[in-house]
Amino acid sequence: MREGILKAVANPPKILWGPFLPTMINFAVQFPIMFMAIGVFGVNPIIFFATIILGHAAVVIYGVKEPHISAMIQAFGQTHMVTKNLYKVKGNKFEP
């Protein structure tokens, strides 16, 4: 097999030592909140830098435990669907 494929599977992409997707979600949520709080309430941004760093540290620690969390989030988004049951039963049943 090609070494490039094995390396991509064995080492998922990372950004700042954390899994790519959770890191981007962390930044995408915290930066707009920080800028809105600064603009509206005049809050000191150092408080938000601390929360961004703590959130990123949590993502990095979880990424060490589960390095493929980005792929798991993407797979959940593609497969999580609400099903319509044809027959009255308890829970979701995948029936045509």
PDB file of N, CA and C in Angstrom:
ATOM      1  N   MET A   1       0.837  -1.193   0.000  1.00  0.00           N
ATOM      2  CA  MET A   1       0.000   0.000   0.000  1.00  0.00           C
ATOM      3  C   MET A   1       0.876   1.249   0.000  1.00  0.00           C
ATOM      4  N   ARG A   2       0.268   2.305  -0.372  1.00  0.00           N
ATOM      5  CA  ARG A   2       1.004   3.557  -0.418  1.00  0.00           C
ATOM      6  C   ARG A   2       1.150   4.136   0.978  1.00  0.00           C
ATOM      7  N   GLU A   3       2.310   4.640   1.254  1.00  0.00           N
ATOM      8  CA  GLU A   3       2.607   5.167   2.585  1.00  0.00           C
ATOM      9  C   GLU A   3       1.785   6.418   2.892  1.00  0.00           C
ATOM     10  N   GLY A   4       1.494   7.220   1.860  1.00  0.00           N
ATOM     11  CA  GLY A   4       0.710   8.443   2.078  1.00  0.00           C
ATOM     12  C   GLY A   4      -0.678   8.157   2.602  1.00  0.00           C
ATOM     13  N   ILE A   5      -1.299   7.107   2.085  1.00  0.00           N
ATOM     14  CA  ILE A   5      -2.638   6.746   2.536  1.00  0.00           C
ATOM     15  C   ILE A   5      -2.594   6.268   3.982  1.00  0.00           C
ATOM     16  N   LEU A   6      -1.633   5.422   4.308  1.00  0.00           N
ATOM     17  CA  LEU A   6      -1.519   4.931   5.680  1.00  0.00           C
ATOM     18  C   LEU A   6      -1.248   6.066   6.657  1.00  0.00           C
ATOM     19  N   LYS A   7      -0.421   6.999   6.266  1.00  0.00           N
ATOM     20  CA  LYS A   7      -0.111   8.126   7.145  1.00  0.00           C
ATOM     21  C   LYS A   7      -1.347   8.984   7.369  1.00  0.00           C
ATOM     22  N   ALA A   8      -2.141   9.201   6.329  1.00  0.00           N
ATOM     23  CA  ALA A   8      -3.353  10.021   6.474  1.00  0.00           C
ATOM     24  C   ALA A   8      -4.372   9.348   7.377  1.00  0.00           C
ATOM     25  N   VAL A   9      -4.474   8.042   7.298  1.00  0.00           N
ATOM     26  CA  VAL A   9      -5.429   7.321   8.142  1.00  0.00           C
ATOM     27  C   VAL A   9      -4.925   7.239   9.573  1.00  0.00           C
ATOM     28  N   ALA A  10      -3.645   6.969   9.731  1.00  0.00           N
ATOM     29  CA  ALA A  10      -3.089   6.797  11.068  1.00  0.00           C
ATOM     30  C   ALA A  10      -2.943   8.128  11.804  1.00  0.00           C
ATOM     31  N   ASN A  11      -2.659   9.205  11.085  1.00  0.00           N
ATOM     32  CA  ASN A  11      -2.471  10.519  11.692  1.00  0.00           C
ATOM     33  C   ASN A  11      -3.482  11.499  11.110  1.00  0.00           C
ATOM     34  N   PRO A  12      -4.648  11.618  11.707  1.00  0.00           N
ATOM     35  CA  PRO A  12      -5.634  12.567  11.183  1.00  0.00           C
ATOM     36  C   PRO A  12      -5.122  14.003  11.300  1.00  0.00           C
ATOM     37  N   PRO A  13      -5.661  14.919  10.484  1.00  0.00           N
ATOM     38  CA  PRO A  13      -5.163  16.294  10.496  1.00  0.00           C
ATOM     39  C   PRO A  13      -5.358  16.969  11.851  1.00  0.00           C
ATOM     40  N   LYS A  14      -4.370  17.781  12.214  1.00  0.00           N
ATOM     41  CA  LYS A  14      -4.415  18.513  13.478  1.00  0.00           C
ATOM     42  C   LYS A  14      -4.089  19.975  13.214  1.00  0.00           C
ATOM     43  N   ILE A  15      -4.584  20.811  14.085  1.00  0.00           N
ATOM     44  CA  ILE A  15      -4.260  22.229  14.043  1.00  0.00           C
ATOM     45  C   ILE A  15      -3.983  22.652  15.479  1.00  0.00           C
ATOM     46  N   LEU A  16      -2.824  23.196  15.711  1.00  0.00           N
ATOM     47  CA  LEU A  16      -2.381  23.583  17.046  1.00  0.00           C
ATOM     48  C   LEU A  16      -2.497  22.422  18.029  1.00  0.00           C
ATOM     49  N   TRP A  17      -2.046  21.239  17.625  1.00  0.00           N
ATOM     50  CA  TRP A  17      -1.995  20.014  18.412  1.00  0.00           C
ATOM     51  C   TRP A  17      -3.349  19.416  18.744  1.00  0.00           C
ATOM     52  N   GLY A  18      -4.419  19.939  18.206  1.00  0.00           N
ATOM     53  CA  GLY A  18      -5.745  19.407  18.476  1.00  0.00           C
ATOM     54  C   GLY A  18      -6.383  18.882  17.209  1.00  0.00           C
ATOM     55  N   PRO A  19      -7.384  17.997  17.319  1.00  0.00           N
ATOM     56  CA  PRO A  19      -8.089  17.518  16.139  1.00  0.00           C
ATOM     57  C   PRO A  19      -8.718  18.691  15.388  1.00  0.00           C
ATOM     58  N   PHE A  20      -8.704  18.608  14.071  1.00  0.00           N
ATOM     59  CA  PHE A  20      -9.055  19.757  13.235  1.00  0.00           C
ATOM     60  C   PHE A  20     -10.470  20.277  13.492  1.00  0.00           C
ATOM     61  N   LEU A  21     -11.476  19.428  13.367  1.00  0.00           N
ATOM     62  CA  LEU A  21     -12.860  19.899  13.443  1.00  0.00           C
ATOM     63  C   LEU A  21     -13.244  20.440  14.824  1.00  0.00           C
ATOM     64  N   PRO A  22     -12.952  19.747  15.934  1.00  0.00           N
ATOM     65  CA  PRO A  22     -13.296  20.329  17.235  1.00  0.00           C
ATOM     66  C   PRO A  22     -12.551  21.634  17.526  1.00  0.00           C
ATOM     67  N   THR A  23     -11.310  21.740  17.037  1.00  0.00           N
ATOM     68  CA  THR A  23     -10.556  22.979  17.235  1.00  0.00           C
ATOM     69  C   THR A  23     -11.212  24.127  16.487  1.00  0.00           C
ATOM     70  N   MET A  24     -11.620  23.871  15.253  1.00  0.00           N
ATOM     71  CA  MET A  24     -12.277  24.918  14.474  1.00  0.00           C
ATOM     72  C   MET A  24     -13.637  25.285  15.069  1.00  0.00           C
ATOM     73  N   ILE A  25     -14.363  24.306  15.570  1.00  0.00           N
ATOM     74  CA  ILE A  25     -15.651  24.590  16.218  1.00  0.00           C
ATOM     75  C   ILE A  25     -15.431  25.448  17.461  1.00  0.00           C
ATOM     76  N   ASN A  26     -14.406  25.133  18.240  1.00  0.00           N
ATOM     77  CA  ASN A  26     -14.083  25.917  19.434  1.00  0.00           C
ATOM     78  C   ASN A  26     -13.811  27.372  19.058  1.00  0.00           C
ATOM     79  N   PHE A  27     -12.962  27.574  18.066  1.00  0.00           N
ATOM     80  CA  PHE A  27     -12.637  28.945  17.652  1.00  0.00           C
ATOM     81  C   PHE A  27     -13.836  29.639  17.018  1.00  0.00           C
ATOM     82  N   ALA A  28     -14.609  28.900  16.220  1.00  0.00           N
ATOM     83  CA  ALA A  28     -15.763  29.496  15.533  1.00  0.00           C
ATOM     84  C   ALA A  28     -16.859  29.909  16.507  1.00  0.00           C
ATOM     85  N   VAL A  29     -16.925  29.285  17.648  1.00  0.00           N
ATOM     86  CA  VAL A  29     -17.924  29.667  18.647  1.00  0.00           C
ATOM     87  C   VAL A  29     -17.394  30.785  19.547  1.00  0.00           C
ATOM     88  N   GLN A  30     -16.157  30.662  19.992  1.00  0.00           N
ATOM     89  CA  GLN A  30     -15.661  31.597  21.002  1.00  0.00           C
ATOM     90  C   GLN A  30     -15.256  32.961  20.449  1.00  0.00           C
ATOM     91  N   PHE A  31     -14.712  33.018  19.242  1.00  0.00           N
ATOM     92  CA  PHE A  31     -14.298  34.321  18.711  1.00  0.00           C
ATOM     93  C   PHE A  31     -15.474  35.268  18.460  1.00  0.00           C
ATOM     94  N   PRO A  32     -16.567  34.836  17.825  1.00  0.00           N
ATOM     95  CA  PRO A  32     -17.693  35.766  17.672  1.00  0.00           C
ATOM     96  C   PRO A  32     -18.288  36.225  19.004  1.00  0.00           C
ATOM     97  N   ILE A  33     -18.361  35.297  19.972  1.00  0.00           N
ATOM     98  CA  ILE A  33     -18.864  35.691  21.293  1.00  0.00           C
ATOM     99  C   ILE A  33     -17.943  36.729  21.911  1.00  0.00           C
ATOM    100  N   MET A  34     -16.641  36.544  21.767  1.00  0.00           N
ATOM    101  CA  MET A  34     -15.683  37.496  22.315  1.00  0.00           C
ATOM    102  C   MET A  34     -15.854  38.874  21.666  1.00  0.00           C
ATOM    103  N   PHE A  35     -15.937  38.911  20.341  1.00  0.00           N
ATOM    104  CA  PHE A  35     -16.055  40.206  19.664  1.00  0.00           C
ATOM    105  C   PHE A  35     -17.385  40.895  19.964  1.00  0.00           C
ATOM    106  N   MET A  36     -18.453  40.110  20.100  1.00  0.00           N
ATOM    107  CA  MET A  36     -19.740  40.724  20.458  1.00  0.00           C
ATOM    108  C   MET A  36     -19.703  41.279  21.877  1.00  0.00           C
ATOM    109  N   ALA A  37     -19.089  40.556  22.808  1.00  0.00           N
ATOM    110  CA  ALA A  37     -19.004  41.028  24.190  1.00  0.00           C
ATOM    111  C   ALA A  37     -18.126  42.266  24.283  1.00  0.00           C
ATOM    112  N   ILE A  38     -17.064  42.311  23.499  1.00  0.00           N
ATOM    113  CA  ILE A  38     -16.207  43.496  23.504  1.00  0.00           C
ATOM    114  C   ILE A  38     -16.963  44.692  22.938  1.00  0.00           C
ATOM    115  N   GLY A  39     -17.670  44.473  21.831  1.00  0.00           N
ATOM    116  CA  GLY A  39     -18.377  45.578  21.185  1.00  0.00           C
ATOM    117  C   GLY A  39     -19.580  46.072  21.963  1.00  0.00           C
ATOM    118  N   VAL A  40     -20.330  45.162  22.539  1.00  0.00           N
ATOM    119  CA  VAL A  40     -21.571  45.550  23.212  1.00  0.00           C
ATOM    120  C   VAL A  40     -21.336  45.964  24.657  1.00  0.00           C
ATOM    121  N   PHE A  41     -20.569  45.169  25.381  1.00  0.00           N
ATOM    122  CA  PHE A  41     -20.408  45.406  26.813  1.00  0.00           C
ATOM    123  C   PHE A  41     -19.060  46.006  27.199  1.00  0.00           C
ATOM    124  N   GLY A  42     -18.136  46.075  26.265  1.00  0.00           N
ATOM    125  CA  GLY A  42     -16.816  46.617  26.561  1.00  0.00           C
ATOM    126  C   GLY A  42     -16.008  45.741  27.502  1.00  0.00           C
ATOM    127  N   VAL A  43     -16.163  44.429  27.374  1.00  0.00           N
ATOM    128  CA  VAL A  43     -15.482  43.470  28.249  1.00  0.00           C
ATOM    129  C   VAL A  43     -14.002  43.388  27.867  1.00  0.00           C
ATOM    130  N   ASN A  44     -13.166  43.140  28.855  1.00  0.00           N
ATOM    131  CA  ASN A  44     -11.743  42.971  28.621  1.00  0.00           C
ATOM    132  C   ASN A  44     -11.500  41.653  27.878  1.00  0.00           C
ATOM    133  N   PRO A  45     -10.803  41.674  26.732  1.00  0.00           N
ATOM    134  CA  PRO A  45     -10.632  40.437  25.955  1.00  0.00           C
ATOM    135  C   PRO A  45      -9.708  39.413  26.598  1.00  0.00           C
ATOM    136  N   ILE A  46      -8.954  39.777  27.609  1.00  0.00           N
ATOM    137  CA  ILE A  46      -8.060  38.814  28.256  1.00  0.00           C
ATOM    138  C   ILE A  46      -8.863  37.680  28.893  1.00  0.00           C
ATOM    139  N   ILE A  47     -10.052  37.982  29.379  1.00  0.00           N
ATOM    140  CA  ILE A  47     -10.916  36.946  29.946  1.00  0.00           C
ATOM    141  C   ILE A  47     -11.243  35.911  28.878  1.00  0.00           C
ATOM    142  N   PHE A  48     -11.545  36.377  27.682  1.00  0.00           N
ATOM    143  CA  PHE A  48     -11.895  35.451  26.616  1.00  0.00           C
ATOM    144  C   PHE A  48     -10.685  34.681  26.113  1.00  0.00           C
ATOM    145  N   PHE A  49      -9.516  35.272  26.138  1.00  0.00           N
ATOM    146  CA  PHE A  49      -8.325  34.531  25.742  1.00  0.00           C
ATOM    147  C   PHE A  49      -8.100  33.366  26.695  1.00  0.00           C
ATOM    148  N   ALA A  50      -8.393  33.573  27.966  1.00  0.00           N
ATOM    149  CA  ALA A  50      -8.253  32.482  28.932  1.00  0.00           C
ATOM    150  C   ALA A  50      -9.246  31.363  28.618  1.00  0.00           C
ATOM    151  N   THR A  51     -10.492  31.703  28.295  1.00  0.00           N
ATOM    152  CA  THR A  51     -11.475  30.663  27.982  1.00  0.00           C
ATOM    153  C   THR A  51     -11.140  29.961  26.668  1.00  0.00           C
ATOM    154  N   ILE A  52     -10.610  30.698  25.698  1.00  0.00           N
ATOM    155  CA  ILE A  52     -10.217  30.078  24.437  1.00  0.00           C
ATOM    156  C   ILE A  52      -9.083  29.091  24.673  1.00  0.00           C
ATOM    157  N   ILE A  53      -8.112  29.469  25.471  1.00  0.00           N
ATOM    158  CA  ILE A  53      -6.979  28.581  25.747  1.00  0.00           C
ATOM    159  C   ILE A  53      -7.430  27.367  26.557  1.00  0.00           C
ATOM    160  N   LEU A  54      -8.295  27.559  27.546  1.00  0.00           N
ATOM    161  CA  LEU A  54      -8.795  26.426  28.327  1.00  0.00           C
ATOM    162  C   LEU A  54      -9.635  25.484  27.466  1.00  0.00           C
ATOM    163  N   GLY A  55     -10.477  26.054  26.609  1.00  0.00           N
ATOM    164  CA  GLY A  55     -11.273  25.220  25.706  1.00  0.00           C
ATOM    165  C   GLY A  55     -10.396  24.449  24.743  1.00  0.00           C
ATOM    166  N   HIS A  56      -9.370  25.107  24.227  1.00  0.00           N
ATOM    167  CA  HIS A  56      -8.467  24.423  23.310  1.00  0.00           C
ATOM    168  C   HIS A  56      -7.664  23.344  24.030  1.00  0.00           C
ATOM    169  N   ALA A  57      -7.271  23.604  25.262  1.00  0.00           N
ATOM    170  CA  ALA A  57      -6.552  22.586  26.038  1.00  0.00           C
ATOM    171  C   ALA A  57      -7.436  21.351  26.248  1.00  0.00           C
ATOM    172  N   ALA A  58      -8.721  21.575  26.510  1.00  0.00           N
ATOM    173  CA  ALA A  58      -9.646  20.445  26.662  1.00  0.00           C
ATOM    174  C   ALA A  58      -9.770  19.665  25.358  1.00  0.00           C
ATOM    175  N   VAL A  59      -9.825  20.376  24.228  1.00  0.00           N
ATOM    176  CA  VAL A  59      -9.900  19.708  22.924  1.00  0.00           C
ATOM    177  C   VAL A  59      -8.629  18.909  22.662  1.00  0.00           C
ATOM    178  N   VAL A  60      -7.476  19.462  22.987  1.00  0.00           N
ATOM    179  CA  VAL A  60      -6.206  18.764  22.773  1.00  0.00           C
ATOM    180  C   VAL A  60      -6.144  17.512  23.650  1.00  0.00           C
ATOM    181  N   ILE A  61      -6.545  17.619  24.903  1.00  0.00           N
ATOM    182  CA  ILE A  61      -6.515  16.461  25.796  1.00  0.00           C
ATOM    183  C   ILE A  61      -7.454  15.371  25.299  1.00  0.00           C
ATOM    184  N   TYR A  62      -8.652  15.757  24.859  1.00  0.00           N
ATOM    185  CA  TYR A  62      -9.588  14.765  24.323  1.00  0.00           C
ATOM    186  C   TYR A  62      -9.083  14.209  22.998  1.00  0.00           C
ATOM    187  N   GLY A  63      -8.395  15.026  22.212  1.00  0.00           N
ATOM    188  CA  GLY A  63      -7.842  14.574  20.943  1.00  0.00           C
ATOM    189  C   GLY A  63      -6.728  13.564  21.119  1.00  0.00           C
ATOM    190  N   VAL A  64      -5.997  13.657  22.217  1.00  0.00           N
ATOM    191  CA  VAL A  64      -4.965  12.653  22.494  1.00  0.00           C
ATOM    192  C   VAL A  64      -5.630  11.311  22.794  1.00  0.00           C
ATOM    193  N   LYS A  65      -6.740  11.349  23.519  1.00  0.00           N
ATOM    194  CA  LYS A  65      -7.461  10.128  23.862  1.00  0.00           C
ATOM    195  C   LYS A  65      -8.166   9.546  22.643  1.00  0.00           C
ATOM    196  N   GLU A  66      -8.779  10.382  21.812  1.00  0.00           N
ATOM    197  CA  GLU A  66      -9.548   9.945  20.647  1.00  0.00           C
ATOM    198  C   GLU A  66      -9.117  10.769  19.437  1.00  0.00           C
ATOM    199  N   PRO A  67      -8.053  10.365  18.723  1.00  0.00           N
ATOM    200  CA  PRO A  67      -7.526  11.194  17.635  1.00  0.00           C
ATOM    201  C   PRO A  67      -8.450  11.302  16.420  1.00  0.00           C
ATOM    202  N   HIS A  68      -9.401  10.392  16.269  1.00  0.00           N
ATOM    203  CA  HIS A  68     -10.272  10.406  15.097  1.00  0.00           C
ATOM    204  C   HIS A  68     -11.625  11.050  15.402  1.00  0.00           C
ATOM    205  N   ILE A  69     -11.676  11.961  16.357  1.00  0.00           N
ATOM    206  CA  ILE A  69     -12.939  12.599  16.724  1.00  0.00           C
ATOM    207  C   ILE A  69     -13.513  13.420  15.570  1.00  0.00           C
ATOM    208  N   SER A  70     -12.679  13.995  14.728  1.00  0.00           N
ATOM    209  CA  SER A  70     -13.178  14.758  13.581  1.00  0.00           C
ATOM    210  C   SER A  70     -13.956  13.859  12.634  1.00  0.00           C
ATOM    211  N   ALA A  71     -13.431  12.683  12.339  1.00  0.00           N
ATOM    212  CA  ALA A  71     -14.122  11.736  11.463  1.00  0.00           C
ATOM    213  C   ALA A  71     -15.413  11.247  12.114  1.00  0.00           C
ATOM    214  N   MET A  72     -15.394  11.074  13.428  1.00  0.00           N
ATOM    215  CA  MET A  72     -16.595  10.625  14.122  1.00  0.00           C
ATOM    216  C   MET A  72     -17.693  11.688  14.070  1.00  0.00           C
ATOM    217  N   ILE A  73     -17.323  12.958  14.203  1.00  0.00           N
ATOM    218  CA  ILE A  73     -18.305  14.039  14.120  1.00  0.00           C
ATOM    219  C   ILE A  73     -18.888  14.120  12.712  1.00  0.00           C
ATOM    220  N   GLN A  74     -18.036  13.985  11.694  1.00  0.00           N
ATOM    221  CA  GLN A  74     -18.518  14.018  10.316  1.00  0.00           C
ATOM    222  C   GLN A  74     -19.429  12.835  10.020  1.00  0.00           C
ATOM    223  N   ALA A  75     -19.080  11.648  10.493  1.00  0.00           N
ATOM    224  CA  ALA A  75     -19.910  10.471  10.264  1.00  0.00           C
ATOM    225  C   ALA A  75     -21.253  10.604  10.980  1.00  0.00           C
ATOM    226  N   PHE A  76     -21.247  11.161  12.183  1.00  0.00           N
ATOM    227  CA  PHE A  76     -22.506  11.367  12.904  1.00  0.00           C
ATOM    228  C   PHE A  76     -23.405  12.330  12.141  1.00  0.00           C
ATOM    229  N   GLY A  77     -22.830  13.389  11.595  1.00  0.00           N
ATOM    230  CA  GLY A  77     -23.627  14.355  10.844  1.00  0.00           C
ATOM    231  C   GLY A  77     -24.235  13.763   9.591  1.00  0.00           C
ATOM    232  N   GLN A  78     -23.570  12.805   8.972  1.00  0.00           N
ATOM    233  CA  GLN A  78     -24.085  12.200   7.749  1.00  0.00           C
ATOM    234  C   GLN A  78     -25.092  11.093   8.031  1.00  0.00           C
ATOM    235  N   THR A  79     -24.974  10.407   9.147  1.00  0.00           N
ATOM    236  CA  THR A  79     -25.844   9.260   9.396  1.00  0.00           C
ATOM    237  C   THR A  79     -26.968   9.543  10.384  1.00  0.00           C
ATOM    238  N   HIS A  80     -26.910  10.623  11.113  1.00  0.00           N
ATOM    239  CA  HIS A  80     -27.954  10.914  12.100  1.00  0.00           C
ATOM    240  C   HIS A  80     -29.175  11.464  11.384  1.00  0.00           C
ATOM    241  N   MET A  81     -30.179  10.625  11.259  1.00  0.00           N
ATOM    242  CA  MET A  81     -31.404  11.059  10.610  1.00  0.00           C
ATOM    243  C   MET A  81     -32.590  10.546  11.407  1.00  0.00           C
ATOM    244  N   VAL A  82     -33.646  11.283  11.361  1.00  0.00           N
ATOM    245  CA  VAL A  82     -34.868  10.874  12.036  1.00  0.00           C
ATOM    246  C   VAL A  82     -35.626   9.957  11.094  1.00  0.00           C
ATOM    247  N   THR A  83     -35.986   8.800  11.590  1.00  0.00           N
ATOM    248  CA  THR A  83     -36.691   7.839  10.749  1.00  0.00           C
ATOM    249  C   THR A  83     -38.183   7.887  11.023  1.00  0.00           C
ATOM    250  N   LYS A  84     -38.941   7.496  10.027  1.00  0.00           N
ATOM    251  CA  LYS A  84     -40.386   7.411  10.174  1.00  0.00           C
ATOM    252  C   LYS A  84     -40.746   5.928  10.224  1.00  0.00           C
ATOM    253  N   ASN A  85     -41.312   5.514  11.322  1.00  0.00           N
ATOM    254  CA  ASN A  85     -41.674   4.113  11.483  1.00  0.00           C
ATOM    255  C   ASN A  85     -42.946   3.808  10.709  1.00  0.00           C
ATOM    256  N   LEU A  86     -42.930   2.677   9.996  1.00  0.00           N
ATOM    257  CA  LEU A  86     -44.130   2.240   9.298  1.00  0.00           C
ATOM    258  C   LEU A  86     -45.110   1.580  10.252  1.00  0.00           C
ATOM    259  N   TYR A  87     -44.574   0.923  11.249  1.00  0.00           N
ATOM    260  CA  TYR A  87     -45.402   0.206  12.202  1.00  0.00           C
ATOM    261  C   TYR A  87     -45.241   0.846  13.568  1.00  0.00           C
ATOM    262  N   LYS A  88     -46.270   0.810  14.355  1.00  0.00           N
ATOM    263  CA  LYS A  88     -46.214   1.440  15.664  1.00  0.00           C
ATOM    264  C   LYS A  88     -45.376   0.567  16.608  1.00  0.00           C
ATOM    265  N   VAL A  89     -44.149   1.012  16.864  1.00  0.00           N
ATOM    266  CA  VAL A  89     -43.242   0.295  17.763  1.00  0.00           C
ATOM    267  C   VAL A  89     -42.505   1.335  18.603  1.00  0.00           C
ATOM    268  N   LYS A  90     -41.876   0.849  19.654  1.00  0.00           N
ATOM    269  CA  LYS A  90     -41.107   1.729  20.511  1.00  0.00           C
ATOM    270  C   LYS A  90     -39.713   1.942  19.911  1.00  0.00           C
ATOM    271  N   GLY A  91     -39.286   3.180  19.794  1.00  0.00           N
ATOM    272  CA  GLY A  91     -37.963   3.486  19.265  1.00  0.00           C
ATOM    273  C   GLY A  91     -37.950   3.649  17.766  1.00  0.00           C
ATOM    274  N   ASN A  92     -36.804   3.960  17.220  1.00  0.00           N
ATOM    275  CA  ASN A  92     -36.641   4.135  15.777  1.00  0.00           C
ATOM    276  C   ASN A  92     -36.259   2.819  15.136  1.00  0.00           C
ATOM    277  N   LYS A  93     -36.939   2.470  14.077  1.00  0.00           N
ATOM    278  CA  LYS A  93     -36.637   1.262  13.331  1.00  0.00           C
ATOM    279  C   LYS A  93     -36.341   1.678  11.901  1.00  0.00           C
ATOM    280  N   PHE A  94     -35.275   1.144  11.339  1.00  0.00           N
ATOM    281  CA  PHE A  94     -34.919   1.460   9.967  1.00  0.00           C
ATOM    282  C   PHE A  94     -35.650   0.493   9.043  1.00  0.00           C
ATOM    283  N   GLU A  95     -36.835   0.892   8.602  1.00  0.00           N
ATOM    284  CA  GLU A  95     -37.633   0.089   7.703  1.00  0.00           C
ATOM    285  C   GLU A  95     -37.879   0.887   6.434  1.00  0.00           C
ATOM    286  N   PRO A  96     -37.950   0.208   5.316  1.00  0.00           N
ATOM    287  CA  PRO A  96     -38.192   0.956   4.053  1.00  0.00           C
ATOM    288  C   PRO A  96     -39.576   1.529   3.972  1.00  0.00           C
TER     289      PRO A  96
END
